[in-house]
């Protein structure tokens, strides 16, 4: 039996970060919308000590390596 309400699907997001040590990385997380994703990014900066958090991108439902490389090209 189907539910009478539609469940809100969470979106996948990716964001690049840099730590104080200079280490750079990619964080993949889920959030309901762009506003919630930005709140998470703000928490990364204020609560978890990330030096920089940038390039917030929505990911498709079936993202793979090709999409990650396109959205988050390697820095030189």
Protein backbone atom coordinates (compact mmCIF):
# COMPACT_ATOMS: atom_id res chain seq x y z
CA UNK A 1 0.00 0.00 0.00
CA UNK A 2 1.35 3.40 -0.98
CA UNK A 3 1.64 6.12 1.58
CA UNK A 4 -0.79 9.04 1.26
CA UNK A 5 2.05 11.55 1.47
CA UNK A 6 5.13 11.84 -0.67
CA UNK A 7 8.42 11.57 1.14
CA UNK A 8 10.88 14.36 0.53
CA UNK A 9 14.04 12.92 -0.98
CA UNK A 10 17.33 14.20 0.34
CA UNK A 11 19.80 15.48 -2.21
CA UNK A 12 23.47 14.58 -2.36
CA UNK A 13 26.00 17.44 -2.25
CA UNK A 14 29.72 17.75 -2.63
CA UNK A 15 31.99 20.48 -1.32
CA UNK A 16 35.75 20.98 -1.36
CA UNK A 17 37.60 21.93 1.80
CA UNK A 18 41.05 22.88 3.04
CA UNK A 19 42.35 22.29 6.55
CA UNK A 20 44.75 24.57 8.41
CA UNK A 21 47.54 22.08 7.60
CA UNK A 22 46.94 22.71 3.89
CA UNK A 23 45.34 19.32 3.29
CA UNK A 24 42.54 19.55 0.72
CA UNK A 25 39.66 17.15 0.28
CA UNK A 26 36.12 16.52 -0.84
CA UNK A 27 33.17 16.05 1.51
CA UNK A 28 30.02 14.33 0.21
CA UNK A 29 26.88 14.71 2.31
CA UNK A 30 23.10 14.80 2.02
CA UNK A 31 20.74 17.70 2.71
CA UNK A 32 17.11 18.45 1.89
CA UNK A 33 17.85 21.59 -0.13
CA UNK A 34 20.40 24.29 -0.98
CA UNK A 35 19.72 26.23 2.23
CA UNK A 36 20.33 23.18 4.43
CA UNK A 37 23.49 22.40 2.44
CA UNK A 38 24.78 25.92 3.07
CA UNK A 39 24.06 25.58 6.78
CA UNK A 40 26.17 22.42 6.81
CA UNK A 41 29.01 24.28 5.05
CA UNK A 42 28.78 27.07 7.62
CA UNK A 43 28.99 24.49 10.42
CA UNK A 44 32.11 23.03 8.80
CA UNK A 45 33.74 26.47 9.05
CA UNK A 46 32.50 27.54 12.47
CA UNK A 47 32.17 24.30 14.44
CA UNK A 48 34.65 21.87 12.91
CA UNK A 49 37.65 24.08 12.17
CA UNK A 50 37.89 23.85 8.40
CA UNK A 51 40.04 26.69 7.01
CA UNK A 52 38.16 27.00 3.71
CA UNK A 53 35.03 25.34 2.35
CA UNK A 54 34.18 26.10 -1.26
CA UNK A 55 32.64 24.90 -4.54
CA UNK A 56 29.34 23.53 -3.17
CA UNK A 57 27.74 21.42 -5.92
CA UNK A 58 24.59 19.27 -6.08
CA UNK A 59 25.28 15.69 -7.17
CA UNK A 60 23.00 13.61 -9.36
CA UNK A 61 21.28 10.60 -7.79
CA UNK A 62 23.72 8.22 -9.47
CA UNK A 63 26.90 10.27 -9.37
CA UNK A 64 30.14 8.54 -10.19
CA UNK A 65 33.82 9.27 -10.59
CA UNK A 66 33.30 11.04 -13.96
CA UNK A 67 30.84 13.52 -12.43
CA UNK A 68 33.07 14.13 -9.40
CA UNK A 69 36.06 14.84 -11.67
CA UNK A 70 33.97 17.21 -13.79
CA UNK A 71 32.57 19.15 -10.80
CA UNK A 72 35.72 19.04 -8.69
CA UNK A 73 38.75 19.14 -11.02
CA UNK A 74 42.10 18.36 -9.45
CA UNK A 75 44.07 21.44 -8.40
CA UNK A 76 47.54 21.87 -9.77
